[in-house]
Amino acid sequence: MRKHPRHTPTPLGKKAPQTGGRDPRGEKQPRIATEDAPYYEERPSWRFSVLEVVDEYGWHEVESREKLFEIIERLKAFESMTWGEIIKNDTTGSHFIEGYRLTDRDAKKKLESLKVSLDTFVCSLRHHKRERIWGIREGSALKLLWWDPEHLIYECDR
């Protein structure tokens, strides 16, 4: 007769216990460390939480369904580039500008109503000729804000 109980093996296919994003000591572990990478090396993504849909420069002003699809295709094309490629490349016509330099008074008021400092850089993405897509960069994401088909938010001498 045996004095010790037999060892029962663990059933095959049994999963290890899940820790829910914590290490076994109970400390939280980051899943993706993106804070260390400068945003110029990252690809953009889009947020819609502050998208202007009415009033001045609202997206309701997009002239046609076809134009909206063109804009979407342009945003998709930007997703294949890094922020550095978008901003530093003269051929895209895209740039950042401080909010206080915007020439449209209503645009400045809108930034203030969103509690965005006028010292904050806003982004102008060139769609076609004078058409611009405006937003506020947050990390690698751009919070899309305005559709500016006539380049009136920031008029420049070109």
N, C-alpha and C. Protein backbone atom coordinates (compact mmCIF):
# COMPACT_ATOMS: atom_id res chain seq x y z
N MET A 1 0.83 -1.17 0.00
CA MET A 1 0.00 0.00 0.00
C MET A 1 0.88 1.25 0.00
N ARG A 2 0.46 2.25 -0.80
CA ARG A 2 1.24 3.47 -0.92
C ARG A 2 0.90 4.43 0.20
N LYS A 3 1.92 5.17 0.62
CA LYS A 3 1.70 6.15 1.67
C LYS A 3 1.37 7.52 1.10
N HIS A 4 1.83 7.84 -0.14
CA HIS A 4 1.62 9.16 -0.74
C HIS A 4 0.61 9.06 -1.87
N PRO A 5 -0.26 10.04 -2.00
CA PRO A 5 -1.22 10.00 -3.11
C PRO A 5 -0.49 10.19 -4.44
N ARG A 6 -1.06 9.61 -5.44
CA ARG A 6 -0.48 9.76 -6.78
C ARG A 6 -0.60 11.20 -7.27
N HIS A 7 0.37 11.57 -8.08
CA HIS A 7 0.32 12.90 -8.72
C HIS A 7 -0.67 12.83 -9.87
N THR A 8 -1.63 13.75 -9.90
CA THR A 8 -2.57 13.78 -11.02
C THR A 8 -2.11 14.86 -11.99
N PRO A 9 -1.85 14.50 -13.24
CA PRO A 9 -1.39 15.49 -14.20
C PRO A 9 -2.48 16.49 -14.54
N THR A 10 -2.05 17.69 -14.98
CA THR A 10 -2.98 18.72 -15.42
C THR A 10 -3.59 18.28 -16.74
N PRO A 11 -4.89 18.41 -16.89
CA PRO A 11 -5.52 17.99 -18.15
C PRO A 11 -4.94 18.78 -19.32
N LEU A 12 -4.77 18.13 -20.45
CA LEU A 12 -4.26 18.78 -21.64
C LEU A 12 -5.25 19.85 -22.11
N GLY A 13 -4.70 20.95 -22.63
CA GLY A 13 -5.55 22.01 -23.17
C GLY A 13 -6.05 22.98 -22.13
N LYS A 14 -5.71 22.75 -20.87
CA LYS A 14 -6.16 23.69 -19.84
C LYS A 14 -5.36 24.99 -19.96
N LYS A 15 -6.05 26.11 -19.94
CA LYS A 15 -5.40 27.41 -20.11
C LYS A 15 -4.83 27.89 -18.79
N ALA A 16 -3.77 28.69 -18.91
CA ALA A 16 -3.20 29.33 -17.73
C ALA A 16 -4.19 30.38 -17.23
N PRO A 17 -4.21 30.64 -15.95
CA PRO A 17 -5.15 31.65 -15.44
C PRO A 17 -4.85 33.02 -16.04
N GLN A 18 -5.91 33.74 -16.37
CA GLN A 18 -5.74 35.07 -16.94
C GLN A 18 -5.60 36.08 -15.83
N THR A 19 -4.75 37.08 -16.10
CA THR A 19 -4.50 38.09 -15.07
C THR A 19 -5.17 39.41 -15.37
N GLY A 20 -5.88 39.51 -16.53
CA GLY A 20 -6.62 40.73 -16.84
C GLY A 20 -5.75 41.95 -16.98
N GLY A 21 -4.58 41.82 -17.65
CA GLY A 21 -3.70 42.97 -17.85
C GLY A 21 -2.83 43.28 -16.65
N ARG A 22 -2.77 42.41 -15.69
CA ARG A 22 -1.94 42.61 -14.50
C ARG A 22 -0.91 41.49 -14.43
N ASP A 23 0.22 41.82 -13.86
CA ASP A 23 1.20 40.76 -13.68
C ASP A 23 0.81 39.97 -12.43
N PRO A 24 1.43 38.82 -12.17
CA PRO A 24 1.02 38.00 -11.03
C PRO A 24 1.09 38.70 -9.68
N ARG A 25 1.88 39.77 -9.59
CA ARG A 25 1.96 40.50 -8.32
C ARG A 25 0.80 41.48 -8.16
N GLY A 26 -0.06 41.58 -9.19
CA GLY A 26 -1.22 42.47 -9.10
C GLY A 26 -0.98 43.86 -9.63
N GLU A 27 0.20 44.11 -10.26
CA GLU A 27 0.49 45.43 -10.78
C GLU A 27 0.02 45.53 -12.23
N LYS A 28 -0.49 46.71 -12.62
CA LYS A 28 -0.92 46.92 -13.99
C LYS A 28 0.29 46.94 -14.91
N GLN A 29 0.13 46.36 -16.08
CA GLN A 29 1.18 46.35 -17.09
C GLN A 29 0.65 46.98 -18.37
N PRO A 30 1.40 47.89 -18.98
CA PRO A 30 0.93 48.46 -20.24
C PRO A 30 0.92 47.41 -21.33
N ARG A 31 -0.11 47.44 -22.15
CA ARG A 31 -0.20 46.48 -23.25
C ARG A 31 0.64 46.94 -24.43
N ILE A 32 0.61 48.24 -24.72
CA ILE A 32 1.41 48.79 -25.81
C ILE A 32 2.05 50.07 -25.29
N ALA A 33 3.35 50.15 -25.39
CA ALA A 33 4.06 51.34 -24.92
C ALA A 33 4.20 52.32 -26.08
N THR A 34 3.25 53.26 -26.22
CA THR A 34 3.32 54.22 -27.31
C THR A 34 3.78 55.59 -26.82
N GLU A 35 3.82 55.79 -25.54
CA GLU A 35 4.18 57.10 -25.02
C GLU A 35 5.63 57.47 -25.34
N ASP A 36 6.48 56.48 -25.55
CA ASP A 36 7.89 56.74 -25.79
C ASP A 36 8.17 57.18 -27.23
N ALA A 37 7.30 56.82 -28.16
CA ALA A 37 7.52 57.11 -29.57
C ALA A 37 7.03 58.50 -29.90
N PRO A 38 7.87 59.34 -30.55
CA PRO A 38 7.38 60.65 -30.97
C PRO A 38 6.29 60.49 -32.03
N TYR A 39 5.31 61.37 -32.01
CA TYR A 39 4.17 61.20 -32.92
C TYR A 39 4.58 61.36 -34.38
N TYR A 40 5.67 62.01 -34.66
CA TYR A 40 6.11 62.14 -36.06
C TYR A 40 6.41 60.80 -36.70
N GLU A 41 6.72 59.80 -35.90
CA GLU A 41 7.03 58.47 -36.43
C GLU A 41 5.78 57.58 -36.48
N GLU A 42 4.66 58.09 -36.00
CA GLU A 42 3.42 57.30 -35.96
C GLU A 42 2.50 57.67 -37.12
N ARG A 43 1.64 56.75 -37.44
CA ARG A 43 0.63 56.99 -38.48
C ARG A 43 -0.61 57.61 -37.84
N PRO A 44 -1.28 58.49 -38.55
CA PRO A 44 -2.45 59.15 -37.96
C PRO A 44 -3.65 58.23 -37.88
N SER A 45 -4.51 58.55 -36.95
CA SER A 45 -5.84 57.96 -36.88
C SER A 45 -6.79 59.13 -36.67
N TRP A 46 -8.07 58.87 -36.78
CA TRP A 46 -9.05 59.96 -36.79
C TRP A 46 -10.04 59.79 -35.65
N ARG A 47 -10.40 60.91 -35.03
CA ARG A 47 -11.43 60.95 -33.99
C ARG A 47 -12.52 61.91 -34.45
N PHE A 48 -13.75 61.65 -34.03
CA PHE A 48 -14.88 62.43 -34.51
C PHE A 48 -15.64 63.14 -33.39
N SER A 49 -15.09 63.16 -32.18
CA SER A 49 -15.83 63.68 -31.03
C SER A 49 -16.11 65.18 -31.11
N VAL A 50 -15.30 65.96 -31.82
CA VAL A 50 -15.53 67.40 -31.91
C VAL A 50 -15.89 67.83 -33.34
N LEU A 51 -16.20 66.89 -34.19
CA LEU A 51 -16.53 67.17 -35.58
C LEU A 51 -17.67 68.18 -35.66
N GLU A 52 -17.44 69.27 -36.36
CA GLU A 52 -18.46 70.31 -36.53
C GLU A 52 -19.40 69.87 -37.66
N VAL A 53 -20.68 69.70 -37.33
CA VAL A 53 -21.61 69.24 -38.35
C VAL A 53 -22.58 70.33 -38.80
N VAL A 54 -22.63 71.43 -38.09
CA VAL A 54 -23.45 72.57 -38.49
C VAL A 54 -22.63 73.84 -38.29
N ASP A 55 -23.24 74.96 -38.59
CA ASP A 55 -22.60 76.26 -38.44
C ASP A 55 -21.46 76.43 -39.42
N GLU A 56 -20.66 77.41 -39.16
CA GLU A 56 -19.54 77.75 -40.04
C GLU A 56 -18.54 76.60 -40.13
N TYR A 57 -18.17 76.23 -41.32
CA TYR A 57 -17.19 75.17 -41.61
C TYR A 57 -17.63 73.78 -41.17
N GLY A 58 -18.94 73.60 -41.05
CA GLY A 58 -19.46 72.28 -40.69
C GLY A 58 -19.37 71.33 -41.87
N TRP A 59 -19.32 70.05 -41.54
CA TRP A 59 -19.20 69.03 -42.58
C TRP A 59 -20.48 68.89 -43.40
N HIS A 60 -21.56 69.51 -42.97
CA HIS A 60 -22.78 69.53 -43.79
C HIS A 60 -22.55 70.32 -45.08
N GLU A 61 -21.48 71.12 -45.10
CA GLU A 61 -21.16 71.95 -46.27
C GLU A 61 -20.45 71.18 -47.38
N VAL A 62 -20.10 69.91 -47.13
CA VAL A 62 -19.49 69.13 -48.21
C VAL A 62 -20.51 69.09 -49.34
N GLU A 63 -20.09 69.48 -50.53
CA GLU A 63 -21.02 69.75 -51.63
C GLU A 63 -21.74 68.54 -52.20
N SER A 64 -21.15 67.36 -52.10
CA SER A 64 -21.80 66.20 -52.70
C SER A 64 -21.31 64.91 -52.04
N ARG A 65 -22.03 63.88 -52.30
CA ARG A 65 -21.65 62.55 -51.81
C ARG A 65 -20.29 62.15 -52.38
N GLU A 66 -20.07 62.47 -53.67
CA GLU A 66 -18.81 62.15 -54.33
C GLU A 66 -17.65 62.85 -53.65
N LYS A 67 -17.85 64.13 -53.27
CA LYS A 67 -16.79 64.89 -52.59
C LYS A 67 -16.49 64.26 -51.24
N LEU A 68 -17.52 63.83 -50.53
CA LEU A 68 -17.30 63.16 -49.24
C LEU A 68 -16.47 61.90 -49.42
N PHE A 69 -16.77 61.12 -50.45
CA PHE A 69 -15.98 59.91 -50.70
C PHE A 69 -14.53 60.26 -51.07
N GLU A 70 -14.32 61.36 -51.79
CA GLU A 70 -12.96 61.82 -52.10
C GLU A 70 -12.20 62.15 -50.81
N ILE A 71 -12.88 62.84 -49.90
CA ILE A 71 -12.25 63.21 -48.63
C ILE A 71 -11.88 61.96 -47.84
N ILE A 72 -12.78 60.99 -47.79
CA ILE A 72 -12.50 59.75 -47.08
C ILE A 72 -11.28 59.05 -47.70
N GLU A 73 -11.21 59.02 -49.02
CA GLU A 73 -10.06 58.40 -49.69
C GLU A 73 -8.77 59.14 -49.36
N ARG A 74 -8.84 60.46 -49.27
CA ARG A 74 -7.64 61.25 -48.90
C ARG A 74 -7.20 60.91 -47.48
N LEU A 75 -8.16 60.81 -46.56
CA LEU A 75 -7.81 60.44 -45.19
C LEU A 75 -7.20 59.04 -45.15
N LYS A 76 -7.73 58.13 -45.93
CA LYS A 76 -7.14 56.78 -46.02
C LYS A 76 -5.70 56.85 -46.52
N ALA A 77 -5.45 57.71 -47.51
CA ALA A 77 -4.09 57.86 -48.03
C ALA A 77 -3.15 58.41 -46.96
N PHE A 78 -3.64 59.36 -46.16
CA PHE A 78 -2.82 59.89 -45.06
C PHE A 78 -2.47 58.79 -44.06
N GLU A 79 -3.37 57.83 -43.87
CA GLU A 79 -3.12 56.74 -42.92
C GLU A 79 -1.93 55.87 -43.33
N SER A 80 -1.55 55.91 -44.59
CA SER A 80 -0.41 55.12 -45.05
C SER A 80 0.91 55.86 -44.81
N MET A 81 0.85 57.10 -44.34
CA MET A 81 2.03 57.93 -44.10
C MET A 81 2.20 58.15 -42.60
N THR A 82 3.39 58.54 -42.19
CA THR A 82 3.60 58.95 -40.80
C THR A 82 3.30 60.44 -40.70
N TRP A 83 3.14 60.94 -39.47
CA TRP A 83 2.92 62.38 -39.30
C TRP A 83 4.09 63.16 -39.88
N GLY A 84 5.29 62.66 -39.70
CA GLY A 84 6.46 63.34 -40.25
C GLY A 84 6.39 63.46 -41.76
N GLU A 85 5.95 62.40 -42.42
CA GLU A 85 5.82 62.43 -43.88
C GLU A 85 4.73 63.40 -44.32
N ILE A 86 3.67 63.48 -43.55
CA ILE A 86 2.56 64.38 -43.90
C ILE A 86 2.96 65.84 -43.73
N ILE A 87 3.56 66.16 -42.60
CA ILE A 87 3.84 67.55 -42.25
C ILE A 87 5.11 68.08 -42.91
N LYS A 88 6.15 67.28 -42.96
CA LYS A 88 7.42 67.76 -43.49
C LYS A 88 7.50 67.73 -45.01
N ASN A 89 6.54 67.09 -45.66
CA ASN A 89 6.55 66.94 -47.10
C ASN A 89 5.78 68.11 -47.73
N ASP A 90 6.49 68.94 -48.47
CA ASP A 90 5.85 70.12 -49.09
C ASP A 90 4.75 69.76 -50.08
N THR A 91 4.78 68.55 -50.62
CA THR A 91 3.78 68.19 -51.63
C THR A 91 2.40 67.95 -51.03
N THR A 92 2.31 67.68 -49.72
CA THR A 92 0.99 67.45 -49.13
C THR A 92 0.27 68.77 -48.84
N GLY A 93 1.03 69.85 -48.63
CA GLY A 93 0.41 71.14 -48.32
C GLY A 93 -0.23 71.17 -46.94
N SER A 94 0.12 70.22 -46.09
CA SER A 94 -0.45 70.13 -44.75
C SER A 94 0.52 70.72 -43.73
N HIS A 95 -0.02 71.27 -42.65
CA HIS A 95 0.84 71.91 -41.65
C HIS A 95 0.09 72.11 -40.34
N PHE A 96 0.87 72.43 -39.30
CA PHE A 96 0.31 72.83 -38.02
C PHE A 96 0.43 74.34 -37.91
N ILE A 97 -0.51 74.93 -37.20
CA ILE A 97 -0.48 76.38 -36.97
C ILE A 97 -1.09 76.65 -35.60
N GLU A 98 -0.55 77.65 -34.90
CA GLU A 98 -1.09 78.01 -33.60
C GLU A 98 -2.49 78.59 -33.77
N GLY A 99 -3.37 78.26 -32.84
CA GLY A 99 -4.75 78.71 -32.91
C GLY A 99 -4.90 80.22 -33.01
N TYR A 100 -4.04 80.97 -32.34
CA TYR A 100 -4.18 82.43 -32.37
C TYR A 100 -3.86 83.01 -33.74
N ARG A 101 -3.20 82.24 -34.62
CA ARG A 101 -2.88 82.73 -35.96
C ARG A 101 -3.99 82.50 -36.97
N LEU A 102 -5.03 81.79 -36.56
CA LEU A 102 -6.16 81.59 -37.48
C LEU A 102 -6.75 82.95 -37.83
N THR A 103 -7.13 83.14 -39.07
CA THR A 103 -7.65 84.44 -39.49
C THR A 103 -9.17 84.54 -39.34
N ASP A 104 -9.84 83.43 -39.12
CA ASP A 104 -11.29 83.45 -38.96
C ASP A 104 -11.66 83.56 -37.48
N ARG A 105 -12.39 84.58 -37.14
CA ARG A 105 -12.78 84.85 -35.76
C ARG A 105 -13.67 83.74 -35.19
N ASP A 106 -14.61 83.22 -36.00
CA ASP A 106 -15.50 82.15 -35.52
C ASP A 106 -14.72 80.88 -35.19
N ALA A 107 -13.69 80.59 -35.97
CA ALA A 107 -12.86 79.41 -35.72
C ALA A 107 -12.15 79.55 -34.37
N LYS A 108 -11.63 80.73 -34.09
CA LYS A 108 -10.98 80.97 -32.80
C LYS A 108 -11.98 80.79 -31.65
N LYS A 109 -13.18 81.33 -31.83
CA LYS A 109 -14.22 81.19 -30.79
C LYS A 109 -14.57 79.72 -30.56
N LYS A 110 -14.62 78.96 -31.64
CA LYS A 110 -14.94 77.53 -31.51
C LYS A 110 -13.86 76.82 -30.71
N LEU A 111 -12.59 77.13 -30.97
CA LEU A 111 -11.50 76.52 -30.19
C LEU A 111 -11.65 76.87 -28.70
N GLU A 112 -11.95 78.13 -28.43
CA GLU A 112 -12.12 78.55 -27.04
C GLU A 112 -13.31 77.84 -26.40
N SER A 113 -14.40 77.64 -27.15
CA SER A 113 -15.57 76.94 -26.59
C SER A 113 -15.26 75.48 -26.31
N LEU A 114 -14.27 74.92 -27.02
CA LEU A 114 -13.84 73.54 -26.76
C LEU A 114 -12.78 73.47 -25.65
N LYS A 115 -12.48 74.65 -25.07
CA LYS A 115 -11.47 74.78 -24.02
C LYS A 115 -10.09 74.40 -24.55
N VAL A 116 -9.84 74.77 -25.80
CA VAL A 116 -8.54 74.57 -26.43
C VAL A 116 -7.82 75.92 -26.41
N SER A 117 -6.64 75.95 -25.82
CA SER A 117 -5.86 77.18 -25.77
C SER A 117 -5.52 77.64 -27.18
N LEU A 118 -5.54 78.93 -27.39
CA LEU A 118 -5.18 79.45 -28.71
C LEU A 118 -3.69 79.31 -28.99
N ASP A 119 -2.91 78.90 -27.99
CA ASP A 119 -1.50 78.58 -28.21
C ASP A 119 -1.32 77.16 -28.75
N THR A 120 -2.37 76.37 -28.69
CA THR A 120 -2.33 75.00 -29.19
C THR A 120 -2.21 75.00 -30.71
N PHE A 121 -1.41 74.08 -31.23
CA PHE A 121 -1.29 73.95 -32.68
C PHE A 121 -2.48 73.15 -33.20
N VAL A 122 -3.12 73.66 -34.23
CA VAL A 122 -4.17 72.92 -34.92
C VAL A 122 -3.59 72.48 -36.26
N CYS A 123 -4.20 71.48 -36.84
CA CYS A 123 -3.65 70.90 -38.05
C CYS A 123 -4.54 71.19 -39.25
N SER A 124 -3.91 71.59 -40.32
CA SER A 124 -4.59 71.79 -41.60
C SER A 124 -4.08 70.72 -42.56
N LEU A 125 -4.98 69.83 -42.97
CA LEU A 125 -4.64 68.82 -43.96
C LEU A 125 -5.19 69.28 -45.30
N ARG A 126 -4.32 69.38 -46.28
CA ARG A 126 -4.76 69.81 -47.61
C ARG A 126 -5.43 68.64 -48.31
N HIS A 127 -6.66 68.89 -48.77
CA HIS A 127 -7.35 67.86 -49.55
C HIS A 127 -7.09 68.07 -51.04
N HIS A 128 -7.46 69.24 -51.54
CA HIS A 128 -7.31 69.52 -52.97
C HIS A 128 -7.32 71.03 -53.17
N LYS A 129 -6.34 71.55 -53.86
CA LYS A 129 -6.23 72.98 -54.11
C LYS A 129 -6.44 73.77 -52.82
N ARG A 130 -7.56 74.49 -52.69
CA ARG A 130 -7.79 75.31 -51.49
C ARG A 130 -8.50 74.55 -50.37
N GLU A 131 -9.02 73.38 -50.64
CA GLU A 131 -9.83 72.64 -49.65
C GLU A 131 -8.95 72.11 -48.51
N ARG A 132 -9.44 72.33 -47.28
CA ARG A 132 -8.69 71.91 -46.09
C ARG A 132 -9.59 71.16 -45.12
N ILE A 133 -8.96 70.21 -44.45
CA ILE A 133 -9.58 69.47 -43.34
C ILE A 133 -8.82 69.93 -42.11
N TRP A 134 -9.55 70.43 -41.12
CA TRP A 134 -8.91 70.96 -39.91
C TRP A 134 -9.18 70.05 -38.73
N GLY A 135 -8.21 69.97 -37.82
CA GLY A 135 -8.40 69.18 -36.62
C GLY A 135 -7.40 69.54 -35.54
N ILE A 136 -7.57 68.88 -34.40
CA ILE A 136 -6.70 69.08 -33.24
C ILE A 136 -6.00 67.76 -32.98
N ARG A 137 -4.66 67.78 -33.03
CA ARG A 137 -3.90 66.55 -32.82
C ARG A 137 -3.83 66.22 -31.33
N GLU A 138 -4.09 64.97 -31.02
CA GLU A 138 -3.99 64.46 -29.66
C GLU A 138 -3.25 63.13 -29.74
N GLY A 139 -1.96 63.13 -29.37
CA GLY A 139 -1.14 61.95 -29.60
C GLY A 139 -0.98 61.78 -31.10
N SER A 140 -1.18 60.59 -31.59
CA SER A 140 -1.09 60.39 -33.04
C SER A 140 -2.45 60.54 -33.72
N ALA A 141 -3.49 60.77 -32.94
CA ALA A 141 -4.84 60.91 -33.50
C ALA A 141 -5.14 62.38 -33.81
N LEU A 142 -5.93 62.59 -34.85
CA LEU A 142 -6.40 63.93 -35.16
C LEU A 142 -7.90 63.97 -34.92
N LYS A 143 -8.31 64.86 -34.02
CA LYS A 143 -9.74 65.07 -33.79
C LYS A 143 -10.23 65.97 -34.91
N LEU A 144 -10.95 65.38 -35.86
CA LEU A 144 -11.44 66.13 -37.00
C LEU A 144 -12.43 67.19 -36.54
N LEU A 145 -12.30 68.37 -37.09
CA LEU A 145 -13.12 69.48 -36.63
C LEU A 145 -13.88 70.15 -37.77
N TRP A 146 -13.17 70.73 -38.74
CA TRP A 146 -13.82 71.54 -39.75
C TRP A 146 -13.55 71.07 -41.18
N TRP A 147 -14.47 71.38 -42.06
CA TRP A 147 -14.29 71.27 -43.50
C TRP A 147 -14.22 72.71 -44.01
N ASP A 148 -13.12 73.06 -44.65
CA ASP A 148 -12.87 74.42 -45.11
C ASP A 148 -12.58 74.40 -46.61
N PRO A 149 -13.62 74.42 -47.44
CA PRO A 149 -13.41 74.26 -48.88
C PRO A 149 -12.74 75.46 -49.56
N GLU A 150 -12.74 76.62 -48.92
CA GLU A 150 -12.18 77.82 -49.54
C GLU A 150 -10.91 78.34 -48.85
N HIS A 151 -10.36 77.58 -47.91
CA HIS A 151 -9.14 77.98 -47.19
C HIS A 151 -9.34 79.33 -46.50
N LEU A 152 -10.46 79.47 -45.78
CA LEU A 152 -10.79 80.74 -45.12
C LEU A 152 -10.42 80.77 -43.64
N ILE A 153 -10.25 79.61 -43.03
CA ILE A 153 -9.93 79.58 -41.60
C ILE A 153 -8.56 80.22 -41.37
N TYR A 154 -7.64 79.92 -42.25
CA TYR A 154 -6.31 80.55 -42.20
C TYR A 154 -5.95 80.97 -43.61
N GLU A 155 -6.15 82.26 -43.88
CA GLU A 155 -5.83 82.76 -45.21
C GLU A 155 -4.35 83.15 -45.24
N CYS A 156 -3.67 82.68 -46.26
CA CYS A 156 -2.27 83.02 -46.40
C CYS A 156 -2.02 83.64 -47.77
N ASP A 157 -0.90 84.31 -47.89
CA ASP A 157 -0.57 85.02 -49.14
C ASP A 157 0.20 84.10 -50.07
N ARG A 158 -0.49 83.20 -50.74
CA ARG A 158 0.19 82.32 -51.71
C ARG A 158 -0.35 82.57 -53.07
